[in-house]
N, C-alpha and C. Protein backbone atom coordinates (compact mmCIF):
# COMPACT_ATOMS: atom_id res chain seq x y z
N MET A 1 28.37 4.02 -15.51
CA MET A 1 27.84 2.79 -16.03
C MET A 1 28.25 3.22 -17.55
N SER A 2 28.72 1.92 -17.95
CA SER A 2 29.34 2.36 -19.36
C SER A 2 27.79 1.54 -20.53
N LYS A 3 28.02 2.53 -21.66
CA LYS A 3 26.79 2.15 -22.53
C LYS A 3 26.12 0.87 -22.56
N GLU A 4 27.25 0.16 -22.76
CA GLU A 4 26.48 -1.48 -22.64
C GLU A 4 25.68 -1.76 -21.44
N GLN A 5 26.23 -1.30 -20.08
CA GLN A 5 25.59 -1.48 -18.80
C GLN A 5 24.27 -0.82 -18.83
N TYR A 6 24.37 0.58 -19.53
CA TYR A 6 22.85 1.28 -19.59
C TYR A 6 21.88 0.26 -20.43
N SER A 7 22.18 -0.24 -21.61
CA SER A 7 21.55 -0.86 -22.47
C SER A 7 21.08 -2.22 -22.01
N ASN A 8 21.72 -2.70 -21.09
CA ASN A 8 21.41 -4.03 -20.55
C ASN A 8 20.66 -3.59 -19.42
N LEU A 9 20.70 -2.50 -18.65
CA LEU A 9 19.56 -2.39 -17.40
C LEU A 9 18.66 -1.96 -18.08
N ASN A 10 18.27 -1.24 -19.60
CA ASN A 10 17.18 -0.99 -19.90
C ASN A 10 16.35 -2.27 -20.65
N GLU A 11 17.07 -3.32 -20.92
CA GLU A 11 16.37 -4.44 -21.52
C GLU A 11 15.72 -5.00 -19.98
N HIS A 12 17.13 -5.25 -18.89
CA HIS A 12 15.93 -5.60 -17.65
C HIS A 12 14.81 -5.32 -17.49
N VAL A 13 14.96 -3.47 -17.18
CA VAL A 13 13.66 -3.15 -16.71
C VAL A 13 12.57 -3.16 -17.84
N LYS A 14 12.64 -3.52 -19.11
CA LYS A 14 11.42 -3.69 -20.21
C LYS A 14 11.13 -5.15 -19.77
N PHE A 15 11.84 -6.11 -19.91
CA PHE A 15 11.80 -7.46 -18.80
C PHE A 15 10.78 -7.30 -17.96
N VAL A 16 11.10 -6.87 -17.02
CA VAL A 16 10.48 -6.81 -15.83
C VAL A 16 8.86 -6.39 -15.73
N MET A 17 8.95 -4.92 -16.59
CA MET A 17 7.85 -4.54 -16.87
C MET A 17 6.68 -5.50 -17.51
N LYS A 18 7.33 -6.17 -18.41
CA LYS A 18 6.33 -6.98 -19.03
C LYS A 18 6.13 -8.24 -18.14
N ALA A 19 6.69 -8.77 -17.72
CA ALA A 19 6.67 -9.92 -16.97
C ALA A 19 5.55 -9.51 -15.53
N HIS A 20 5.65 -8.44 -15.22
CA HIS A 20 4.82 -7.99 -14.43
C HIS A 20 3.42 -7.24 -14.65
N GLU A 21 2.92 -7.16 -16.00
CA GLU A 21 2.11 -6.36 -16.65
C GLU A 21 0.94 -7.06 -16.15
N GLY A 22 -0.18 -6.03 -15.99
CA GLY A 22 -1.33 -5.98 -15.81
C GLY A 22 -1.54 -6.67 -13.96
N ASP A 23 -0.35 -6.90 -13.13
CA ASP A 23 -0.21 -6.97 -11.89
C ASP A 23 -0.28 -5.64 -11.05
N VAL A 24 -0.96 -5.79 -10.13
CA VAL A 24 -0.92 -4.09 -9.27
C VAL A 24 -0.68 -4.72 -7.59
N ARG A 25 -0.73 -3.48 -7.11
CA ARG A 25 -0.28 -3.51 -6.01
C ARG A 25 -1.24 -3.46 -4.65
N GLY A 26 -1.13 -4.72 -3.86
CA GLY A 26 -2.01 -4.73 -2.57
C GLY A 26 -3.07 -3.70 -2.25
N TRP A 27 -2.06 -2.30 -2.04
CA TRP A 27 -2.56 -1.38 -1.24
C TRP A 27 -3.73 -0.32 -2.05
N ASP A 28 -3.51 -0.23 -3.23
CA ASP A 28 -4.70 0.36 -3.68
C ASP A 28 -5.41 -0.25 -4.86
N MET A 29 -4.74 -1.63 -5.00
CA MET A 29 -5.07 -2.49 -6.19
C MET A 29 -5.06 -1.75 -7.66
N GLU A 30 -4.37 -0.78 -7.86
CA GLU A 30 -4.21 0.04 -9.48
C GLU A 30 -2.94 0.17 -9.94
N THR A 31 -1.59 0.53 -8.85
CA THR A 31 -0.44 0.83 -9.11
C THR A 31 0.00 -0.34 -9.71
N PRO A 32 0.73 -0.12 -10.50
CA PRO A 32 1.31 -1.42 -11.14
C PRO A 32 2.23 -1.74 -10.31
N TYR A 33 2.68 -3.33 -10.16
CA TYR A 33 3.43 -4.11 -9.23
C TYR A 33 5.02 -3.78 -9.66
N ALA A 34 4.88 -3.45 -10.78
CA ALA A 34 6.39 -3.69 -11.25
C ALA A 34 7.33 -2.04 -10.56
N ILE A 35 6.39 -1.42 -9.85
CA ILE A 35 7.13 -0.28 -9.36
C ILE A 35 7.90 -0.35 -7.82
N HIS A 36 7.23 -1.68 -7.36
CA HIS A 36 8.13 -2.16 -6.28
C HIS A 36 9.46 -2.59 -6.78
N PRO A 37 9.77 -3.48 -7.65
CA PRO A 37 11.36 -3.88 -8.03
C PRO A 37 12.02 -2.55 -8.86
N LEU A 38 10.99 -1.83 -9.46
CA LEU A 38 12.09 -0.65 -9.99
C LEU A 38 12.49 0.15 -8.89
N TRP A 39 11.82 0.32 -7.55
CA TRP A 39 12.14 1.40 -6.75
C TRP A 39 13.33 0.76 -6.22
N CYS A 40 13.15 -0.60 -5.71
CA CYS A 40 14.42 -1.22 -5.04
C CYS A 40 15.56 -1.10 -5.95
N SER A 41 15.58 -1.65 -7.06
CA SER A 41 16.73 -1.85 -8.40
C SER A 41 17.09 -0.12 -8.31
N MET A 42 16.48 0.58 -8.39
CA MET A 42 16.91 2.16 -8.55
C MET A 42 17.43 2.83 -7.20
N THR A 43 16.62 2.45 -5.80
CA THR A 43 17.24 3.10 -4.76
C THR A 43 18.72 2.46 -4.31
N ILE A 44 18.92 1.34 -4.89
CA ILE A 44 20.07 1.14 -4.66
C ILE A 44 21.50 1.60 -5.27
N TYR A 45 21.12 1.99 -6.35
CA TYR A 45 21.78 3.00 -7.01
C TYR A 45 22.64 4.25 -6.28
N SER A 46 21.49 4.68 -5.32
CA SER A 46 21.88 5.57 -4.43
C SER A 46 22.85 5.82 -3.58
N GLU A 47 23.54 4.51 -3.46
CA GLU A 47 24.06 3.89 -2.00
C GLU A 47 25.77 4.41 -2.24
N THR A 48 26.31 5.82 -2.29
CA THR A 48 27.41 6.11 -2.62
C THR A 48 28.36 5.30 -1.96
N THR A 49 28.18 4.97 -0.90
CA THR A 49 29.31 4.35 -0.26
C THR A 49 29.44 2.42 -0.36
N LEU A 50 28.24 2.02 -1.23
CA LEU A 50 28.65 0.52 -1.63
C LEU A 50 29.53 0.68 -2.95
N PRO A 51 30.59 -0.63 -2.53
CA PRO A 51 31.04 -0.76 -4.08
C PRO A 51 30.23 -1.01 -5.20
N LYS A 52 30.61 -0.50 -6.38
CA LYS A 52 30.18 -0.62 -7.73
C LYS A 52 29.67 -1.47 -7.88
N GLN A 53 30.38 -2.58 -7.77
CA GLN A 53 29.73 -4.14 -8.05
C GLN A 53 28.92 -4.35 -7.56
N ILE A 54 28.55 -4.31 -5.71
CA ILE A 54 27.31 -4.76 -5.17
C ILE A 54 26.12 -3.95 -5.70
N ARG A 55 26.46 -2.41 -6.06
CA ARG A 55 25.23 -1.74 -6.48
C ARG A 55 25.12 -2.41 -7.88
N ASP A 56 25.54 -2.48 -8.85
CA ASP A 56 25.33 -2.84 -10.02
C ASP A 56 25.00 -4.46 -9.96
N GLU A 57 25.53 -5.13 -9.23
CA GLU A 57 24.85 -6.75 -9.06
C GLU A 57 23.25 -6.61 -8.24
N GLY A 58 23.20 -5.79 -7.50
CA GLY A 58 21.84 -5.60 -6.67
C GLY A 58 21.09 -5.28 -7.07
N ALA A 59 21.32 -4.17 -8.09
CA ALA A 59 20.15 -3.44 -9.05
C ALA A 59 19.37 -4.40 -10.14
N VAL A 60 20.24 -5.10 -10.60
CA VAL A 60 19.57 -6.15 -11.81
C VAL A 60 18.92 -7.55 -10.18
N VAL A 61 19.65 -8.08 -9.45
CA VAL A 61 19.08 -8.98 -8.66
C VAL A 61 17.25 -8.23 -8.24
N LEU A 62 17.88 -7.18 -7.48
CA LEU A 62 16.27 -6.57 -7.33
C LEU A 62 15.28 -6.23 -8.10
N LEU A 63 15.48 -5.95 -9.47
CA LEU A 63 14.51 -5.79 -10.63
C LEU A 63 14.00 -7.29 -10.87
N TYR A 64 14.76 -8.46 -10.53
CA TYR A 64 14.07 -9.67 -10.77
C TYR A 64 14.00 -10.67 -9.78
N HIS A 65 13.93 -9.84 -8.48
CA HIS A 65 13.96 -10.59 -7.21
C HIS A 65 12.27 -11.14 -7.20
N ASP A 66 11.29 -10.77 -7.77
CA ASP A 66 10.28 -11.54 -7.67
C ASP A 66 9.59 -12.25 -8.68
N ILE A 67 10.35 -12.43 -9.82
CA ILE A 67 9.93 -13.26 -10.85
C ILE A 67 9.91 -14.70 -10.79
N LEU A 68 10.51 -15.07 -10.26
CA LEU A 68 10.58 -17.11 -9.72
C LEU A 68 9.79 -17.25 -8.85
N GLU A 69 9.13 -16.13 -7.68
CA GLU A 69 8.55 -16.59 -6.73
C GLU A 69 7.05 -16.24 -7.43
N ASP A 70 6.58 -14.75 -7.95
CA ASP A 70 5.61 -14.72 -8.39
C ASP A 70 5.08 -14.43 -10.10
N THR A 71 5.81 -15.25 -11.03
CA THR A 71 5.55 -15.42 -12.17
C THR A 71 6.21 -16.76 -12.67
N LYS A 72 5.59 -17.29 -13.72
CA LYS A 72 5.93 -18.44 -14.32
C LYS A 72 7.09 -18.54 -15.20
N LEU A 73 8.08 -17.40 -15.59
CA LEU A 73 8.37 -16.99 -16.47
C LEU A 73 9.57 -17.61 -15.82
N ASN A 74 10.62 -17.79 -17.09
CA ASN A 74 12.39 -18.17 -16.50
C ASN A 74 12.97 -16.72 -16.62
N LEU A 75 14.28 -16.66 -15.98
CA LEU A 75 15.13 -15.80 -16.02
C LEU A 75 15.53 -15.50 -17.69
N PRO A 76 15.61 -14.29 -18.24
CA PRO A 76 16.38 -14.08 -19.29
C PRO A 76 18.10 -14.86 -19.31
N ASP A 77 18.72 -14.87 -20.63
CA ASP A 77 19.69 -15.72 -20.47
C ASP A 77 20.74 -14.75 -20.35
N ASN A 78 20.52 -12.98 -20.36
CA ASN A 78 21.61 -12.52 -20.62
C ASN A 78 22.17 -11.97 -18.96
N LEU A 79 21.78 -12.49 -17.91
CA LEU A 79 22.18 -12.63 -16.82
C LEU A 79 23.35 -12.89 -16.58
N THR A 80 24.40 -12.48 -15.34
CA THR A 80 25.45 -12.91 -15.13
C THR A 80 25.18 -14.02 -14.05
N PRO A 81 26.13 -15.23 -14.18
CA PRO A 81 26.02 -15.89 -13.13
C PRO A 81 25.70 -15.75 -11.94
N ASP A 82 26.43 -14.40 -11.13
CA ASP A 82 26.48 -13.97 -10.01
C ASP A 82 24.99 -13.49 -9.79
N GLU A 83 24.35 -12.56 -10.93
CA GLU A 83 23.24 -12.23 -10.79
C GLU A 83 21.92 -13.32 -10.85
N VAL A 84 21.72 -14.25 -11.27
CA VAL A 84 21.42 -15.36 -11.01
C VAL A 84 21.48 -16.19 -10.06
N ASP A 85 22.51 -16.27 -9.46
CA ASP A 85 22.57 -16.78 -7.93
C ASP A 85 21.96 -15.77 -6.84
N GLY A 86 22.34 -14.49 -7.10
CA GLY A 86 21.67 -13.73 -6.17
C GLY A 86 20.31 -13.71 -6.39
N ILE A 87 19.54 -13.90 -7.54
CA ILE A 87 18.12 -14.07 -7.67
C ILE A 87 17.64 -14.83 -7.07
N ILE A 88 18.26 -16.58 -7.32
CA ILE A 88 17.96 -17.69 -6.55
C ILE A 88 17.85 -17.45 -5.02
N GLN A 89 19.14 -16.71 -4.41
CA GLN A 89 19.37 -16.42 -3.30
C GLN A 89 18.00 -15.93 -2.45
N MET A 90 17.34 -14.86 -3.61
CA MET A 90 16.36 -14.19 -2.87
C MET A 90 14.87 -14.86 -2.84
N THR A 91 14.74 -15.76 -3.45
CA THR A 91 13.57 -16.47 -4.03
C THR A 91 13.52 -17.63 -2.75
N PHE A 92 11.87 -17.38 -2.06
CA PHE A 92 11.55 -18.21 -1.27
C PHE A 92 10.06 -18.61 -1.18
N THR A 93 10.00 -19.80 -0.75
CA THR A 93 8.54 -20.30 -0.92
C THR A 93 7.42 -19.62 -0.14
N GLY A 94 7.92 -18.62 0.89
CA GLY A 94 6.85 -17.55 1.67
C GLY A 94 7.34 -17.11 2.50
N MET A 95 6.96 -15.93 3.53
CA MET A 95 7.77 -15.28 4.49
C MET A 95 8.25 -16.39 5.78
N THR A 96 7.63 -17.04 5.80
CA THR A 96 7.81 -17.88 6.94
C THR A 96 9.29 -18.64 6.74
N GLN A 97 9.40 -19.13 5.58
CA GLN A 97 10.75 -19.65 5.22
C GLN A 97 11.74 -18.73 5.19
N GLU A 98 11.42 -17.40 4.54
CA GLU A 98 12.62 -16.68 4.26
C GLU A 98 13.15 -15.77 5.72
N MET A 99 12.09 -15.66 6.79
CA MET A 99 12.61 -15.33 7.84
C MET A 99 13.47 -16.42 8.49
N VAL A 100 13.49 -17.44 8.68
CA VAL A 100 14.52 -18.70 8.98
C VAL A 100 15.35 -18.62 8.16
N GLU A 101 15.42 -18.78 6.83
CA GLU A 101 16.40 -18.90 5.72
C GLU A 101 17.45 -17.88 5.63
N VAL A 102 16.89 -16.50 5.45
CA VAL A 102 18.02 -15.72 4.79
C VAL A 102 19.30 -15.55 5.94
N TRP A 103 19.38 -15.70 7.13
CA TRP A 103 20.29 -15.73 7.77
C TRP A 103 21.57 -16.86 7.21
N ASN A 104 21.09 -17.64 6.53
CA ASN A 104 22.38 -18.85 6.00
C ASN A 104 22.51 -18.09 4.53
N ARG A 105 22.44 -17.01 4.14
CA ARG A 105 22.60 -16.38 2.79
C ARG A 105 23.50 -15.11 3.07
N GLU A 106 24.22 -15.41 1.86
CA GLU A 106 25.29 -14.03 2.09
C GLU A 106 24.66 -12.44 2.74
N PRO A 107 25.61 -11.92 3.36
CA PRO A 107 24.99 -10.66 3.78
C PRO A 107 24.63 -9.80 2.76
N LYS A 108 24.80 -9.55 1.55
CA LYS A 108 24.61 -8.82 0.20
C LYS A 108 23.15 -9.27 0.19
N ILE A 109 22.87 -10.81 0.25
CA ILE A 109 21.60 -11.21 0.03
C ILE A 109 20.42 -10.49 1.25
N ARG A 110 20.82 -10.23 2.54
CA ARG A 110 20.17 -9.66 3.35
C ARG A 110 20.24 -8.28 3.08
N LEU A 111 21.32 -7.78 2.65
CA LEU A 111 21.06 -6.00 2.30
C LEU A 111 20.16 -6.12 0.78
N PHE A 112 20.06 -6.57 0.41
CA PHE A 112 19.31 -6.95 -0.98
C PHE A 112 17.91 -6.83 -0.46
N LYS A 113 17.42 -7.89 0.80
CA LYS A 113 16.21 -8.25 1.33
C LYS A 113 15.36 -6.89 1.97
N LEU A 114 16.77 -6.06 2.72
CA LEU A 114 16.02 -4.73 3.05
C LEU A 114 15.67 -3.86 2.21
N TYR A 115 16.04 -3.55 1.23
CA TYR A 115 15.43 -2.92 0.10
C TYR A 115 13.86 -3.19 -0.41
N ASP A 116 13.68 -4.69 -0.43
CA ASP A 116 12.45 -5.41 -0.46
C ASP A 116 11.74 -4.99 0.57
N LYS A 117 12.08 -5.18 1.93
CA LYS A 117 11.08 -5.18 2.77
C LYS A 117 10.85 -3.60 3.00
N ILE A 118 11.41 -2.44 2.90
CA ILE A 118 11.16 -1.24 3.19
C ILE A 118 10.61 -0.97 2.25
N SER A 119 10.46 -0.94 0.92
CA SER A 119 9.51 -0.82 -0.25
C SER A 119 8.05 -1.34 0.06
N ASN A 120 8.05 -2.50 0.64
CA ASN A 120 6.90 -3.10 1.20
C ASN A 120 6.01 -2.05 1.99
N LEU A 121 7.14 -1.99 3.11
CA LEU A 121 6.38 -1.26 4.24
C LEU A 121 6.13 0.42 3.45
N LEU A 122 6.43 1.06 2.77
CA LEU A 122 6.15 2.20 2.65
C LEU A 122 4.55 2.28 1.70
N ASP A 123 4.27 1.15 1.34
CA ASP A 123 2.92 0.66 1.25
C ASP A 123 2.11 -0.31 1.44
N SER A 124 2.35 -0.42 3.06
CA SER A 124 2.10 -1.76 4.01
C SER A 124 0.19 -1.19 4.29
N SER A 125 -0.30 -0.36 3.79
CA SER A 125 -1.75 0.16 4.27
C SER A 125 -2.26 -1.01 4.30
N TRP A 126 -2.25 -2.36 3.63
CA TRP A 126 -3.23 -3.43 3.09
C TRP A 126 -3.00 -4.26 4.51
N MET A 127 -1.77 -4.46 5.13
CA MET A 127 -1.41 -5.35 5.73
C MET A 127 -2.26 -5.07 7.32
N THR A 128 -2.68 -6.12 7.91
CA THR A 128 -3.16 -6.29 8.99
C THR A 128 -2.39 -5.92 10.13
N PRO A 129 -2.47 -5.51 11.45
CA PRO A 129 -1.62 -5.08 12.52
C PRO A 129 -0.66 -6.52 12.90
N GLU A 130 -1.22 -7.47 13.04
CA GLU A 130 -0.55 -8.65 13.28
C GLU A 130 0.45 -8.92 12.02
N ILE A 131 0.34 -8.93 11.05
CA ILE A 131 1.30 -8.84 9.94
C ILE A 131 2.54 -7.74 9.61
N ILE A 132 1.90 -6.12 10.22
CA ILE A 132 2.71 -5.26 10.51
C ILE A 132 3.89 -5.67 11.62
N GLU A 133 3.44 -6.11 12.65
CA GLU A 133 4.20 -6.16 13.76
C GLU A 133 5.45 -7.12 13.28
N ILE A 134 4.89 -8.57 12.81
CA ILE A 134 5.98 -9.51 12.27
C ILE A 134 6.70 -8.90 11.33
N TYR A 135 6.35 -8.26 10.49
CA TYR A 135 7.07 -7.69 9.08
C TYR A 135 8.26 -6.59 9.92
N THR A 136 7.77 -5.84 10.42
CA THR A 136 8.60 -4.72 11.24
C THR A 136 9.51 -5.42 11.86
N SER A 137 9.32 -6.32 12.86
CA SER A 137 10.28 -7.02 13.90
C SER A 137 11.06 -7.77 13.07
N TYR A 138 11.04 -8.37 12.00
CA TYR A 138 12.07 -9.06 10.80
C TYR A 138 12.71 -8.13 10.06
N THR A 139 12.25 -6.88 9.59
CA THR A 139 12.88 -6.01 9.22
C THR A 139 13.97 -5.27 10.19
N LYS A 140 13.78 -5.19 11.25
CA LYS A 140 14.76 -4.50 12.32
C LYS A 140 15.54 -5.32 12.42
N LYS A 141 15.76 -6.56 12.02
CA LYS A 141 16.90 -7.72 12.45
C LYS A 141 17.68 -7.72 11.19
N LEU A 142 16.76 -7.58 9.82
CA LEU A 142 17.73 -7.39 8.72
C LEU A 142 18.30 -5.99 8.82
N LEU A 143 17.97 -5.11 9.31
CA LEU A 143 18.39 -3.41 9.64
C LEU A 143 19.80 -3.81 10.23
N GLU A 144 19.47 -4.23 11.54
CA GLU A 144 21.01 -4.56 12.33
C GLU A 144 21.88 -5.09 11.56
N ASP A 145 21.72 -6.27 10.78
CA ASP A 145 22.45 -7.11 10.15
C ASP A 145 23.22 -6.02 9.15
N VAL A 146 22.39 -5.38 8.20
CA VAL A 146 23.07 -4.76 7.09
C VAL A 146 23.93 -3.79 7.90
N GLU A 147 23.32 -2.90 8.89
CA GLU A 147 24.41 -2.03 9.42
C GLU A 147 25.72 -2.86 10.04
N GLN A 148 25.63 -3.71 10.69
CA GLN A 148 26.73 -4.47 10.91
C GLN A 148 27.85 -4.92 9.75
N ASN A 149 27.13 -5.21 8.62
CA ASN A 149 27.83 -5.57 7.55
C ASN A 149 28.38 -4.73 6.43
N PHE A 150 27.42 -3.73 6.54
CA PHE A 150 27.75 -2.49 5.60
C PHE A 150 28.13 -1.15 6.18
N GLY A 151 27.74 -1.05 7.28
CA GLY A 151 27.97 0.26 7.88
C GLY A 151 26.67 1.32 7.39
N GLN A 152 26.59 2.24 7.67
CA GLN A 152 25.20 3.33 7.35
C GLN A 152 25.12 3.40 5.96
N LEU A 153 23.90 3.26 5.61
CA LEU A 153 23.54 3.28 4.02
C LEU A 153 21.93 4.28 4.05
N ASN A 154 21.93 4.53 2.89
CA ASN A 154 21.05 5.60 2.51
C ASN A 154 19.58 4.62 2.89
N ILE A 155 19.69 3.30 2.82
CA ILE A 155 18.59 2.71 2.94
C ILE A 155 18.23 2.05 4.43
N THR A 156 19.35 1.84 5.07
CA THR A 156 19.51 1.90 6.57
C THR A 156 18.97 3.45 7.50
N ARG A 157 18.87 4.34 6.74
CA ARG A 157 18.60 5.80 6.98
C ARG A 157 17.03 5.74 6.76
N ILE A 158 16.29 5.72 5.80
CA ILE A 158 15.23 5.08 5.37
C ILE A 158 14.42 4.32 6.28
N ALA A 159 14.90 3.13 6.66
CA ALA A 159 14.30 1.90 7.40
C ALA A 159 14.11 2.56 8.61
N ARG A 160 15.60 3.26 9.18
CA ARG A 160 15.35 3.59 10.76
C ARG A 160 14.02 4.68 10.64
N ALA A 161 13.81 5.69 9.61
CA ALA A 161 12.88 6.45 9.68
C ALA A 161 11.43 6.09 9.72
N ILE A 162 11.63 4.72 8.95
CA ILE A 162 10.29 3.75 8.72
C ILE A 162 10.08 3.05 10.04
N LEU A 163 11.02 2.58 10.44
CA LEU A 163 10.82 1.77 11.78
C LEU A 163 10.54 1.76 13.01
N TYR A 164 11.36 3.03 12.84
CA TYR A 164 11.50 3.67 14.50
C TYR A 164 10.94 5.06 14.64
N LYS A 165 10.13 5.47 13.28
CA LYS A 165 9.03 6.63 13.06
C LYS A 165 10.19 7.76 13.62
N LYS A 166 11.23 7.86 12.96
CA LYS A 166 12.38 9.07 13.50
C LYS A 166 12.16 9.77 11.90
N PHE A 167 11.45 10.54 11.43
CA PHE A 167 11.40 11.69 10.43
C PHE A 167 12.17 12.67 10.67
């Protein structure tokens, strides 16, 4: 990562932290919400088999993926057109719309969604059994799609461990 990319990433993290200031995760109502996009963003960087361009773009898209859904903020001006497009493609009005329309998006968007869903499943104790069942079924479909398009990745190994309880 170049010095400029590192500086930009640092600015992106600051923006996201500020955007979600005061927001908390539902499972304990005290963990800062920004942990979620940060986990997603940083986890994609550990994918040694993904092309650098997908990792770099994915890290930024995943940082900002909830900004348009969960805040009234506009995206910052220092994003690339591909990053903005990715963030827009990750944005849905709700889970029902997402589960239908995500299949019309690029494979990399479904890859990014897998990070999002696995992060949510890691702290899903607040979900009802019915929501867990729907969420798990949807995430299994994302997992299959990602493996078909990108092969085995760290996120697919994590997903299999969570979804199929193979620790």
